[in-house]
Amino acid sequence: MSTLKMKTPLLFGFLLALALPGSANAGSVVLAPVSVPEWKSVYGQVEARNSIPARARIGGTLVSLTVTEGDDVTAGQVMGTVRDDKTAFQVTALEAQLGALVAQLENAESELSRGQTLVDRGVTTTQRLDQLSTQVDVVRNQIAAIEAQRQVVLQQESEGEIIAPADGTVLDVPVTQGAVVMPGEAIATIGGGGIYLRLAIPERHAPMLKQDAQLQIETGTTTMTGQLDKIYPRIENGRVVADVAVDALPTAFFGARLLVRVPVGERQALMVPAVAVATRFGTDFVQVKTADGTSERAVVLAQRDDDDDAVEVLTGLAAGDEVVTP
């Protein structure tokens, strides 16, 4: 019994020393201003890097259309067909001309053969033979010209296919099947070249934007990190346009708006370890070393996440204060 009475005060004193702030096991941090990013909140839109129109190469009637908004296409894929009924009549007319010229060529070659025979017999002159030979060459050249025209018309007919200019997603189809289209008219718009988050930032912040800077994107449920991939040199309507590369960017809807925090500079702030902050009854407290020992101060903190190692102190502490840490 006497042994127990002697050990109990020692045990109580040891536990009390552990519970008191500023004990031998506690550390401390002297506060000093540090540079932290200055954030600017803007909205960015989910967009494709390139918007490429798939155009009709000839005029006519859109007889088939096989894509709609949201479809994925590959470069060279046929998305529809434009037909011009006049090309069929042009081909028929040219083929008829070819038939007539072929008959003329056969007759001219026969005349040339008879002329050669007469020259060999001395019945006709060499001048007449040269005329017949020239006539054969003229008809042959006429046949070559008509054949070339026929190939041009056939090529125009084959260009009625609407070809996807690049890999991507169909963003817009402004026409419908059966519509009359003109040469060069856009049949569909393809979004390709990668999916990015496009920002429009006020021009006063343009000099502070840095290539490859890290940004924070709010998707509604999570916070993602992106990288400033490209800053466009042209300022439009008082804003500079920039693209942000984000892994696993939600791409269900092009044009969707996401909140983005962009670093546009730096400022000085006081940071304390998150483990040094104790919250009681909705108020945050930290232990500070003083000449008389330690004292507890109420502080106002900036918004923080649960996984932050340090948190900014807005009021309650000053540079040079020594904060006690567990």
C-alpha atoms as a PDB file:
ATOM      1  CA  MET A   1       0.000   0.000   0.000  1.00  0.00           C
ATOM      2  CA  SER A   2       2.801   2.441   0.766  1.00  0.00           C
ATOM      3  CA  THR A   3       4.441   1.712  -2.582  1.00  0.00           C
ATOM      4  CA  LEU A   4       1.209   2.549  -4.432  1.00  0.00           C
ATOM      5  CA  LYS A   5       0.854   5.880  -2.603  1.00  0.00           C
ATOM      6  CA  MET A   6       4.367   6.850  -3.617  1.00  0.00           C
ATOM      7  CA  LYS A   7       3.909   6.010  -7.349  1.00  0.00           C
ATOM      8  CA  THR A   8       0.518   7.692  -7.787  1.00  0.00           C
ATOM      9  CA  PRO A   9       1.754  11.349  -7.434  1.00  0.00           C
ATOM     10  CA  LEU A  10       4.623  10.651  -9.854  1.00  0.00           C
ATOM     11  CA  LEU A  11       2.287   9.188 -12.472  1.00  0.00           C
ATOM     12  CA  PHE A  12      -0.129  12.122 -12.117  1.00  0.00           C
ATOM     13  CA  GLY A  13       2.704  14.616 -12.548  1.00  0.00           C
ATOM     14  CA  PHE A  14       3.949  12.896 -15.713  1.00  0.00           C
ATOM     15  CA  LEU A  15       0.503  12.910 -17.315  1.00  0.00           C
ATOM     16  CA  LEU A  16       0.020  16.566 -16.377  1.00  0.00           C
ATOM     17  CA  ALA A  17       3.312  17.488 -18.065  1.00  0.00           C
ATOM     18  CA  LEU A  18       2.210  15.795 -21.272  1.00  0.00           C
ATOM     19  CA  ALA A  19      -1.123  17.636 -21.265  1.00  0.00           C
ATOM     20  CA  LEU A  20       0.296  21.116 -20.697  1.00  0.00           C
ATOM     21  CA  PRO A  21       1.133  23.211 -23.815  1.00  0.00           C
ATOM     22  CA  GLY A  22       4.783  23.997 -24.233  1.00  0.00           C
ATOM     23  CA  SER A  23       5.845  20.689 -22.700  1.00  0.00           C
ATOM     24  CA  ALA A  24       9.117  19.062 -23.614  1.00  0.00           C
ATOM     25  CA  ASN A  25       7.468  17.043 -26.409  1.00  0.00           C
ATOM     26  CA  ALA A  26       5.952  20.126 -28.136  1.00  0.00           C
ATOM     27  CA  GLY A  27       7.707  22.097 -30.916  1.00  0.00           C
ATOM     28  CA  SER A  28       7.305  25.642 -32.127  1.00  0.00           C
ATOM     29  CA  VAL A  29       7.348  27.659 -35.318  1.00  0.00           C
ATOM     30  CA  VAL A  30       8.300  31.327 -35.623  1.00  0.00           C
ATOM     31  CA  LEU A  31       5.962  33.030 -38.072  1.00  0.00           C
ATOM     32  CA  ALA A  32       7.435  34.872 -41.033  1.00  0.00           C
ATOM     33  CA  PRO A  33       5.738  36.199 -44.186  1.00  0.00           C
ATOM     34  CA  VAL A  34       5.860  33.826 -47.162  1.00  0.00           C
ATOM     35  CA  SER A  35       4.883  34.353 -50.796  1.00  0.00           C
ATOM     36  CA  VAL A  36       1.618  32.724 -51.837  1.00  0.00           C
ATOM     37  CA  PRO A  37      -0.188  32.862 -55.206  1.00  0.00           C
ATOM     38  CA  GLU A  38      -2.799  35.531 -55.821  1.00  0.00           C
ATOM     39  CA  TRP A  39      -5.769  33.784 -57.408  1.00  0.00           C
ATOM     40  CA  LYS A  40      -8.258  35.170 -59.923  1.00  0.00           C
ATOM     41  CA  SER A  41     -11.521  33.255 -60.306  1.00  0.00           C
ATOM     42  CA  VAL A  42     -12.876  33.047 -63.847  1.00  0.00           C
ATOM     43  CA  TYR A  43     -15.104  30.689 -65.795  1.00  0.00           C
ATOM     44  CA  GLY A  44     -13.695  28.499 -68.544  1.00  0.00           C
ATOM     45  CA  GLN A  45     -15.522  26.617 -71.288  1.00  0.00           C
ATOM     46  CA  VAL A  46     -14.905  23.060 -72.415  1.00  0.00           C
ATOM     47  CA  GLU A  47     -13.993  23.366 -76.089  1.00  0.00           C
ATOM     48  CA  ALA A  48     -12.079  21.614 -78.817  1.00  0.00           C
ATOM     49  CA  ARG A  49      -8.722  23.082 -79.772  1.00  0.00           C
ATOM     50  CA  ASN A  50      -9.723  23.187 -83.467  1.00  0.00           C
ATOM     51  CA  SER A  51     -13.154  23.630 -85.037  1.00  0.00           C
ATOM     52  CA  ILE A  52     -12.883  22.467 -88.663  1.00  0.00           C
ATOM     53  CA  PRO A  53     -15.809  22.749 -91.119  1.00  0.00           C
ATOM     54  CA  ALA A  54     -16.519  19.852 -93.477  1.00  0.00           C
ATOM     55  CA  ARG A  55     -17.560  21.646 -96.682  1.00  0.00           C
ATOM     56  CA  ALA A  56     -19.360  20.671 -99.853  1.00  0.00           C
ATOM     57  CA  ARG A  57     -16.984  20.678-102.791  1.00  0.00           C
ATOM     58  CA  ILE A  58     -19.719  20.948-105.413  1.00  0.00           C
ATOM     59  CA  GLY A  59     -23.192  22.452-105.496  1.00  0.00           C
ATOM     60  CA  GLY A  60     -26.286  20.319-105.646  1.00  0.00           C
ATOM     61  CA  THR A  61     -28.755  18.411-103.502  1.00  0.00           C
ATOM     62  CA  LEU A  62     -27.680  16.727-100.264  1.00  0.00           C
ATOM     63  CA  VAL A  63     -29.032  13.261-100.991  1.00  0.00           C
ATOM     64  CA  SER A  64     -27.542  11.532 -97.927  1.00  0.00           C
ATOM     65  CA  LEU A  65     -26.284  12.577 -94.493  1.00  0.00           C
ATOM     66  CA  THR A  66     -24.934   9.905 -92.145  1.00  0.00           C
ATOM     67  CA  VAL A  67     -23.752  11.922 -89.121  1.00  0.00           C
ATOM     68  CA  THR A  68     -25.366  14.013 -86.429  1.00  0.00           C
ATOM     69  CA  GLU A  69     -24.210  16.119 -83.487  1.00  0.00           C
ATOM     70  CA  GLY A  70     -22.109  14.133 -81.020  1.00  0.00           C
ATOM     71  CA  ASP A  71     -20.884  11.477 -83.463  1.00  0.00           C
ATOM     72  CA  ASP A  72     -17.185  10.629 -83.518  1.00  0.00           C
ATOM     73  CA  VAL A  73     -15.595  10.632 -86.974  1.00  0.00           C
ATOM     74  CA  THR A  74     -12.178   9.839 -88.414  1.00  0.00           C
ATOM     75  CA  ALA A  75     -10.260  11.727 -91.076  1.00  0.00           C
ATOM     76  CA  GLY A  76     -11.416  10.689 -94.556  1.00  0.00           C
ATOM     77  CA  GLN A  77     -14.750   9.256 -93.409  1.00  0.00           C
ATOM     78  CA  VAL A  78     -17.672   9.861 -95.797  1.00  0.00           C
ATOM     79  CA  MET A  79     -20.369  11.784 -93.920  1.00  0.00           C
ATOM     80  CA  GLY A  80     -22.800  12.465 -96.759  1.00  0.00           C
ATOM     81  CA  THR A  81     -23.239  12.890-100.501  1.00  0.00           C
ATOM     82  CA  VAL A  82     -24.117  15.881-102.668  1.00  0.00           C
ATOM     83  CA  ARG A  83     -25.482  15.105-106.133  1.00  0.00           C
ATOM     84  CA  ASP A  84     -25.712  17.438-109.090  1.00  0.00           C
ATOM     85  CA  ASP A  85     -28.012  15.948-111.739  1.00  0.00           C
ATOM     86  CA  LYS A  86     -26.457  18.119-114.444  1.00  0.00           C
ATOM     87  CA  THR A  87     -23.203  16.160-114.304  1.00  0.00           C
ATOM     88  CA  ALA A  88     -24.909  13.031-115.636  1.00  0.00           C
ATOM     89  CA  PHE A  89     -26.213  14.960-118.663  1.00  0.00           C
ATOM     90  CA  GLN A  90     -22.780  16.493-119.214  1.00  0.00           C
ATOM     91  CA  VAL A  91     -21.166  13.055-119.210  1.00  0.00           C
ATOM     92  CA  THR A  92     -23.755  11.780-121.713  1.00  0.00           C
ATOM     93  CA  ALA A  93     -23.152  14.742-124.017  1.00  0.00           C
ATOM     94  CA  LEU A  94     -19.382  14.332-123.892  1.00  0.00           C
ATOM     95  CA  GLU A  95     -19.635  10.601-124.585  1.00  0.00           C
ATOM     96  CA  ALA A  96     -21.780  11.375-127.623  1.00  0.00           C
ATOM     97  CA  GLN A  97     -19.144  13.825-128.861  1.00  0.00           C
ATOM     98  CA  LEU A  98     -16.477  11.189-128.301  1.00  0.00           C
ATOM     99  CA  GLY A  99     -18.475   8.716-130.419  1.00  0.00           C
ATOM    100  CA  ALA A 100     -18.735  11.203-133.264  1.00  0.00           C
ATOM    101  CA  LEU A 101     -15.039  12.056-133.114  1.00  0.00           C
ATOM    102  CA  VAL A 102     -14.043   8.400-133.054  1.00  0.00           C
ATOM    103  CA  ALA A 103     -16.072   7.889-136.272  1.00  0.00           C
ATOM    104  CA  GLN A 104     -14.385  10.920-137.822  1.00  0.00           C
ATOM    105  CA  LEU A 105     -10.990   9.536-136.772  1.00  0.00           C
ATOM    106  CA  GLU A 106     -11.692   6.200-138.424  1.00  0.00           C
ATOM    107  CA  ASN A 107     -12.744   7.964-141.641  1.00  0.00           C
ATOM    108  CA  ALA A 108      -9.692  10.258-141.540  1.00  0.00           C
ATOM    109  CA  GLU A 109      -7.351   7.307-141.019  1.00  0.00           C
ATOM    110  CA  SER A 110      -8.966   5.502-143.962  1.00  0.00           C
ATOM    111  CA  GLU A 111      -8.512   8.591-146.155  1.00  0.00           C
ATOM    112  CA  LEU A 112      -4.891   8.810-145.042  1.00  0.00           C
ATOM    113  CA  SER A 113      -4.310   5.159-145.923  1.00  0.00           C
ATOM    114  CA  ARG A 114      -5.807   5.621-149.415  1.00  0.00           C
ATOM    115  CA  GLY A 115      -3.813   8.808-149.868  1.00  0.00           C
ATOM    116  CA  GLN A 116      -0.608   6.958-149.052  1.00  0.00           C
ATOM    117  CA  THR A 117      -1.475   4.321-151.650  1.00  0.00           C
ATOM    118  CA  LEU A 118      -2.144   6.962-154.303  1.00  0.00           C
ATOM    119  CA  VAL A 119       1.118   8.724-153.533  1.00  0.00           C
ATOM    120  CA  ASP A 120       2.983   5.448-153.897  1.00  0.00           C
ATOM    121  CA  ARG A 121       1.359   5.051-157.365  1.00  0.00           C
ATOM    122  CA  GLY A 122       2.102   8.633-158.263  1.00  0.00           C
ATOM    123  CA  VAL A 123      -1.584   9.515-158.708  1.00  0.00           C
ATOM    124  CA  THR A 124      -1.787  12.259-156.056  1.00  0.00           C
ATOM    125  CA  THR A 125       0.628  14.751-154.542  1.00  0.00           C
ATOM    126  CA  THR A 126       2.525  14.673-151.287  1.00  0.00           C
ATOM    127  CA  GLN A 127       0.794  17.920-150.287  1.00  0.00           C
ATOM    128  CA  ARG A 128      -2.584  16.167-150.275  1.00  0.00           C
ATOM    129  CA  LEU A 129      -1.098  13.398-148.129  1.00  0.00           C
ATOM    130  CA  ASP A 130       0.132  15.968-145.604  1.00  0.00           C
ATOM    131  CA  GLN A 131      -3.370  17.458-145.421  1.00  0.00           C
ATOM    132  CA  LEU A 132      -4.873  14.071-144.659  1.00  0.00           C
ATOM    133  CA  SER A 133      -2.246  13.397-141.977  1.00  0.00           C
ATOM    134  CA  THR A 134      -2.942  16.772-140.367  1.00  0.00           C
ATOM    135  CA  GLN A 135      -6.658  16.022-140.369  1.00  0.00           C
ATOM    136  CA  VAL A 136      -6.019  12.754-138.488  1.00  0.00           C
ATOM    137  CA  ASP A 137      -3.909  14.593-135.869  1.00  0.00           C
ATOM    138  CA  VAL A 138      -6.624  17.237-135.396  1.00  0.00           C
ATOM    139  CA  VAL A 139      -9.315  14.638-134.764  1.00  0.00           C
ATOM    140  CA  ARG A 140      -7.081  12.754-132.327  1.00  0.00           C
ATOM    141  CA  ASN A 141      -6.424  15.956-130.363  1.00  0.00           C
ATOM    142  CA  GLN A 142     -10.144  16.723-130.315  1.00  0.00           C
ATOM    143  CA  ILE A 143     -10.783  13.269-128.881  1.00  0.00           C
ATOM    144  CA  ALA A 144      -8.122  13.856-126.196  1.00  0.00           C
ATOM    145  CA  ALA A 145      -9.702  17.217-125.269  1.00  0.00           C
ATOM    146  CA  ILE A 146     -13.203  15.743-124.978  1.00  0.00           C
ATOM    147  CA  GLU A 147     -11.851  12.848-122.919  1.00  0.00           C
ATOM    148  CA  ALA A 148     -10.158  15.315-120.562  1.00  0.00           C
ATOM    149  CA  GLN A 149     -13.422  17.238-120.187  1.00  0.00           C
ATOM    150  CA  ARG A 150     -15.198  13.980-119.423  1.00  0.00           C
ATOM    151  CA  GLN A 151     -12.641  13.172-116.699  1.00  0.00           C
ATOM    152  CA  VAL A 152     -13.184  16.627-115.174  1.00  0.00           C
ATOM    153  CA  VAL A 153     -16.937  16.078-114.986  1.00  0.00           C
ATOM    154  CA  LEU A 154     -16.472  12.590-113.523  1.00  0.00           C
ATOM    155  CA  GLN A 155     -14.091  14.056-110.917  1.00  0.00           C
ATOM    156  CA  GLN A 156     -16.663  16.702-110.013  1.00  0.00           C
ATOM    157  CA  GLU A 157     -19.248  13.971-109.627  1.00  0.00           C
ATOM    158  CA  SER A 158     -16.950  12.014-107.285  1.00  0.00           C
ATOM    159  CA  GLU A 159     -16.353  15.168-105.210  1.00  0.00           C
ATOM    160  CA  GLY A 160     -19.967  15.063-104.130  1.00  0.00           C
ATOM    161  CA  GLU A 161     -18.886  12.995-101.120  1.00  0.00           C
ATOM    162  CA  ILE A 162     -18.596  15.000 -97.892  1.00  0.00           C
ATOM    163  CA  ILE A 163     -15.275  13.982 -96.314  1.00  0.00           C
ATOM    164  CA  ALA A 164     -14.370  14.438 -92.632  1.00  0.00           C
ATOM    165  CA  PRO A 165     -11.275  16.718 -92.607  1.00  0.00           C
ATOM    166  CA  ALA A 166      -9.892  15.393 -89.289  1.00  0.00           C
ATOM    167  CA  ASP A 167     -10.500  13.052 -86.379  1.00  0.00           C
ATOM    168  CA  GLY A 168     -12.892  14.476 -83.819  1.00  0.00           C
ATOM    169  CA  THR A 169     -16.485  14.935 -82.724  1.00  0.00           C
ATOM    170  CA  VAL A 170     -19.293  16.409 -84.780  1.00  0.00           C
ATOM    171  CA  LEU A 171     -20.235  19.661 -83.037  1.00  0.00           C
ATOM    172  CA  ASP A 172     -22.780  21.094 -85.453  1.00  0.00           C
ATOM    173  CA  VAL A 173     -24.750  19.991 -88.519  1.00  0.00           C
ATOM    174  CA  PRO A 174     -26.500  23.098 -89.893  1.00  0.00           C
ATOM    175  CA  VAL A 175     -28.176  21.387 -92.888  1.00  0.00           C
ATOM    176  CA  THR A 176     -30.601  18.507 -93.385  1.00  0.00           C
ATOM    177  CA  GLN A 177     -30.897  15.783 -95.962  1.00  0.00           C
ATOM    178  CA  GLY A 178     -32.590  17.027 -99.123  1.00  0.00           C
ATOM    179  CA  ALA A 179     -31.313  20.584 -98.775  1.00  0.00           C
ATOM    180  CA  VAL A 180     -29.729  22.399-101.709  1.00  0.00           C
ATOM    181  CA  VAL A 181     -26.143  23.396-100.914  1.00  0.00           C
ATOM    182  CA  MET A 182     -23.614  25.596-102.652  1.00  0.00           C
ATOM    183  CA  PRO A 183     -19.923  24.867-103.292  1.00  0.00           C
ATOM    184  CA  GLY A 184     -17.923  25.603-100.133  1.00  0.00           C
ATOM    185  CA  GLU A 185     -20.955  25.526 -97.818  1.00  0.00           C
ATOM    186  CA  ALA A 186     -20.326  23.942 -94.392  1.00  0.00           C
ATOM    187  CA  ILE A 187     -22.183  20.657 -93.962  1.00  0.00           C
ATOM    188  CA  ALA A 188     -20.815  19.877 -90.479  1.00  0.00           C
ATOM    189  CA  THR A 189     -18.317  21.259 -87.971  1.00  0.00           C
ATOM    190  CA  ILE A 190     -15.739  18.879 -86.506  1.00  0.00           C
ATOM    191  CA  GLY A 191     -14.086  19.542 -83.154  1.00  0.00           C
ATOM    192  CA  GLY A 192     -10.599  18.039 -83.064  1.00  0.00           C
ATOM    193  CA  GLY A 193      -7.048  18.592 -81.909  1.00  0.00           C
ATOM    194  CA  GLY A 194      -7.776  17.689 -78.285  1.00  0.00           C
ATOM    195  CA  ILE A 195     -10.219  18.903 -75.644  1.00  0.00           C
ATOM    196  CA  TYR A 196      -9.198  21.945 -73.606  1.00  0.00           C
ATOM    197  CA  LEU A 197     -10.626  24.351 -71.104  1.00  0.00           C
ATOM    198  CA  ARG A 198     -10.650  27.773 -72.769  1.00  0.00           C
ATOM    199  CA  LEU A 199     -10.396  30.884 -70.600  1.00  0.00           C
ATOM    200  CA  ALA A 200     -11.020  34.572 -71.307  1.00  0.00           C
ATOM    201  CA  ILE A 201      -9.071  36.586 -68.732  1.00  0.00           C
ATOM    202  CA  PRO A 202      -9.167  40.409 -68.358  1.00  0.00           C
ATOM    203  CA  GLU A 203      -6.236  41.975 -70.168  1.00  0.00           C
ATOM    204  CA  ARG A 204      -4.904  43.676 -67.004  1.00  0.00           C
ATOM    205  CA  HIS A 205      -3.871  40.211 -65.820  1.00  0.00           C
ATOM    206  CA  ALA A 206      -2.239  39.224 -69.129  1.00  0.00           C
ATOM    207  CA  PRO A 207       1.351  40.226 -68.153  1.00  0.00           C
ATOM    208  CA  MET A 208       1.123  38.019 -65.045  1.00  0.00           C
ATOM    209  CA  LEU A 209       0.093  34.842 -66.884  1.00  0.00           C
ATOM    210  CA  LYS A 210       2.885  32.284 -67.188  1.00  0.00           C
ATOM    211  CA  GLN A 211       3.186  29.336 -69.513  1.00  0.00           C
ATOM    212  CA  ASP A 212       2.767  25.942 -67.776  1.00  0.00           C
ATOM    213  CA  ALA A 213       1.373  27.586 -64.614  1.00  0.00           C
ATOM    214  CA  GLN A 214      -0.722  25.313 -62.391  1.00  0.00           C
ATOM    215  CA  LEU A 215      -4.421  26.157 -62.049  1.00  0.00           C
ATOM    216  CA  GLN A 216      -7.288  24.838 -59.941  1.00  0.00           C
ATOM    217  CA  ILE A 217     -10.560  23.767 -61.577  1.00  0.00           C
ATOM    218  CA  GLU A 218     -13.831  23.263 -59.724  1.00  0.00           C
ATOM    219  CA  THR A 219     -15.988  20.561 -61.345  1.00  0.00           C
ATOM    220  CA  GLY A 220     -18.821  20.831 -58.852  1.00  0.00           C
ATOM    221  CA  THR A 221     -17.856  17.765 -56.832  1.00  0.00           C
ATOM    222  CA  THR A 222     -14.054  17.742 -56.931  1.00  0.00           C
ATOM    223  CA  THR A 223     -11.136  20.110 -57.414  1.00  0.00           C
ATOM    224  CA  MET A 224      -8.803  19.283 -60.302  1.00  0.00           C
ATOM    225  CA  THR A 225      -5.396  20.638 -61.250  1.00  0.00           C
ATOM    226  CA  GLY A 226      -4.719  21.913 -64.753  1.00  0.00           C
ATOM    227  CA  GLN A 227      -1.806  23.421 -66.631  1.00  0.00           C
ATOM    228  CA  LEU A 228      -1.801  26.613 -68.678  1.00  0.00           C
ATOM    229  CA  ASP A 229      -1.017  25.053 -72.041  1.00  0.00           C
ATOM    230  CA  LYS A 230      -1.226  27.981 -74.464  1.00  0.00           C
ATOM    231  CA  ILE A 231      -1.651  31.743 -74.212  1.00  0.00           C
ATOM    232  CA  TYR A 232      -2.957  33.330 -77.420  1.00  0.00           C
ATOM    233  CA  PRO A 233      -1.196  36.580 -78.380  1.00  0.00           C
ATOM    234  CA  ARG A 234      -4.343  38.327 -79.620  1.00  0.00           C
ATOM    235  CA  ILE A 235      -6.509  40.261 -77.125  1.00  0.00           C
ATOM    236  CA  GLU A 236     -10.182  40.457 -78.084  1.00  0.00           C
ATOM    237  CA  ASN A 237     -12.818  42.570 -76.344  1.00  0.00           C
ATOM    238  CA  GLY A 238     -10.388  43.415 -73.538  1.00  0.00           C
ATOM    239  CA  ARG A 239      -9.638  39.767 -72.731  1.00  0.00           C
ATOM    240  CA  VAL A 240      -6.767  37.401 -73.394  1.00  0.00           C
ATOM    241  CA  VAL A 241      -7.640  33.851 -74.415  1.00  0.00           C
ATOM    242  CA  ALA A 242      -5.770  30.866 -72.965  1.00  0.00           C
ATOM    243  CA  ASP A 243      -6.116  27.081 -73.117  1.00  0.00           C
ATOM    244  CA  VAL A 244      -5.794  24.872 -70.034  1.00  0.00           C
ATOM    245  CA  ALA A 245      -4.846  21.201 -70.337  1.00  0.00           C
ATOM    246  CA  VAL A 246      -6.641  19.040 -67.773  1.00  0.00           C
ATOM    247  CA  ASP A 247      -6.440  15.279 -67.325  1.00  0.00           C
ATOM    248  CA  ALA A 248      -9.843  13.553 -67.254  1.00  0.00           C
ATOM    249  CA  LEU A 249     -11.633  16.774 -68.182  1.00  0.00           C
ATOM    250  CA  PRO A 250     -15.426  16.228 -68.311  1.00  0.00           C
ATOM    251  CA  THR A 251     -16.253  16.237 -72.035  1.00  0.00           C
ATOM    252  CA  ALA A 252     -19.888  15.141 -72.072  1.00  0.00           C
ATOM    253  CA  PHE A 253     -20.922  18.660 -73.135  1.00  0.00           C
ATOM    254  CA  PHE A 254     -18.877  21.083 -75.214  1.00  0.00           C
ATOM    255  CA  GLY A 255     -19.331  24.631 -74.004  1.00  0.00           C
ATOM    256  CA  ALA A 256     -19.835  23.554 -70.361  1.00  0.00           C
ATOM    257  CA  ARG A 257     -18.576  26.210 -67.933  1.00  0.00           C
ATOM    258  CA  LEU A 258     -16.244  25.379 -65.061  1.00  0.00           C
ATOM    259  CA  LEU A 259     -14.883  27.662 -62.341  1.00  0.00           C
ATOM    260  CA  VAL A 260     -11.118  28.117 -62.645  1.00  0.00           C
ATOM    261  CA  ARG A 261      -8.722  29.804 -60.233  1.00  0.00           C
ATOM    262  CA  VAL A 262      -5.811  31.341 -62.132  1.00  0.00           C
ATOM    263  CA  PRO A 263      -2.580  32.575 -60.453  1.00  0.00           C
ATOM    264  CA  VAL A 264      -2.155  36.218 -61.455  1.00  0.00           C
ATOM    265  CA  GLY A 265       0.580  37.245 -59.014  1.00  0.00           C
ATOM    266  CA  GLU A 266       1.969  36.751 -55.503  1.00  0.00           C
ATOM    267  CA  ARG A 267       1.340  38.275 -52.079  1.00  0.00           C
ATOM    268  CA  GLN A 268       2.775  37.950 -48.565  1.00  0.00           C
ATOM    269  CA  ALA A 269       0.900  35.825 -46.028  1.00  0.00           C
ATOM    270  CA  LEU A 270       1.398  34.251 -42.578  1.00  0.00           C
ATOM    271  CA  MET A 271       1.086  30.463 -42.619  1.00  0.00           C
ATOM    272  CA  VAL A 272       0.768  28.219 -39.551  1.00  0.00           C
ATOM    273  CA  PRO A 273       0.842  24.415 -39.467  1.00  0.00           C
ATOM    274  CA  ALA A 274      -2.653  22.997 -39.622  1.00  0.00           C
ATOM    275  CA  VAL A 275      -1.893  20.712 -36.654  1.00  0.00           C
ATOM    276  CA  ALA A 276      -1.317  23.781 -34.456  1.00  0.00           C
ATOM    277  CA  VAL A 277      -4.923  24.919 -34.883  1.00  0.00           C
ATOM    278  CA  ALA A 278      -7.569  23.801 -32.383  1.00  0.00           C
ATOM    279  CA  THR A 279     -11.244  24.480 -33.048  1.00  0.00           C
ATOM    280  CA  ARG A 280     -13.716  24.837 -30.187  1.00  0.00           C
ATOM    281  CA  PHE A 281     -17.288  26.069 -30.453  1.00  0.00           C
ATOM    282  CA  GLY A 282     -16.691  27.298 -34.004  1.00  0.00           C
ATOM    283  CA  THR A 283     -13.636  29.389 -33.091  1.00  0.00           C
ATOM    284  CA  ASP A 284     -10.034  28.589 -34.070  1.00  0.00           C
ATOM    285  CA  PHE A 285      -7.251  28.870 -31.478  1.00  0.00           C
ATOM    286  CA  VAL A 286      -3.468  28.520 -31.537  1.00  0.00           C
ATOM    287  CA  GLN A 287      -0.955  28.370 -28.685  1.00  0.00           C
ATOM    288  CA  VAL A 288       1.682  31.137 -28.771  1.00  0.00           C
ATOM    289  CA  LYS A 289       4.828  31.317 -26.641  1.00  0.00           C
ATOM    290  CA  THR A 290       5.132  34.457 -24.523  1.00  0.00           C
ATOM    291  CA  ALA A 291       7.572  35.754 -21.920  1.00  0.00           C
ATOM    292  CA  ASP A 292       5.378  34.247 -19.194  1.00  0.00           C
ATOM    293  CA  GLY A 293       4.964  30.852 -20.870  1.00  0.00           C
ATOM    294  CA  THR A 294       2.215  30.225 -23.425  1.00  0.00           C
ATOM    295  CA  SER A 295      -1.107  31.836 -24.206  1.00  0.00           C
ATOM    296  CA  GLU A 296      -4.002  30.842 -26.401  1.00  0.00           C
ATOM    297  CA  ARG A 297      -5.143  33.230 -29.124  1.00  0.00           C
ATOM    298  CA  ALA A 298      -8.260  33.247 -31.233  1.00  0.00           C
ATOM    299  CA  VAL A 299      -7.454  33.551 -34.943  1.00  0.00           C
ATOM    300  CA  VAL A 300      -9.331  33.958 -38.205  1.00  0.00           C
ATOM    301  CA  LEU A 301      -8.167  31.557 -40.891  1.00  0.00           C
ATOM    302  CA  ALA A 302      -8.550  31.558 -44.647  1.00  0.00           C
ATOM    303  CA  GLN A 303     -10.582  28.831 -46.306  1.00  0.00           C
ATOM    304  CA  ARG A 304      -8.663  25.576 -46.333  1.00  0.00           C
ATOM    305  CA  ASP A 305      -8.978  21.960 -47.403  1.00  0.00           C
ATOM    306  CA  ASP A 306      -8.729  19.020 -45.070  1.00  0.00           C
ATOM    307  CA  ASP A 307      -5.482  17.823 -46.673  1.00  0.00           C
ATOM    308  CA  ASP A 308      -3.637  21.166 -46.342  1.00  0.00           C
ATOM    309  CA  ASP A 309      -0.455  21.012 -44.223  1.00  0.00           C
ATOM    310  CA  ALA A 310      -0.514  24.757 -43.539  1.00  0.00           C
ATOM    311  CA  VAL A 311      -3.242  27.368 -43.386  1.00  0.00           C
ATOM    312  CA  GLU A 312      -3.173  31.142 -43.787  1.00  0.00           C
ATOM    313  CA  VAL A 313      -3.874  33.305 -40.743  1.00  0.00           C
ATOM    314  CA  LEU A 314      -5.847  36.431 -41.600  1.00  0.00           C
ATOM    315  CA  THR A 315      -5.978  38.036 -38.139  1.00  0.00           C
ATOM    316  CA  GLY A 316      -4.875  37.196 -34.587  1.00  0.00           C
ATOM    317  CA  LEU A 317      -1.127  36.690 -35.174  1.00  0.00           C
ATOM    318  CA  ALA A 318       1.771  38.782 -36.383  1.00  0.00           C
ATOM    319  CA  ALA A 319       5.164  38.102 -37.906  1.00  0.00           C
ATOM    320  CA  GLY A 320       7.632  36.988 -35.230  1.00  0.00           C
ATOM    321  CA  ASP A 321       5.064  35.176 -33.057  1.00  0.00           C
ATOM    322  CA  GLU A 322       6.220  31.711 -31.970  1.00  0.00           C
ATOM    323  CA  VAL A 323       3.421  29.183 -32.449  1.00  0.00           C
ATOM    324  CA  VAL A 324       3.427  25.975 -30.432  1.00  0.00           C
ATOM    325  CA  THR A 325       2.981  22.783 -32.450  1.00  0.00           C
ATOM    326  CA  PRO A 326       2.213  19.293 -31.135  1.00  0.00           C
END
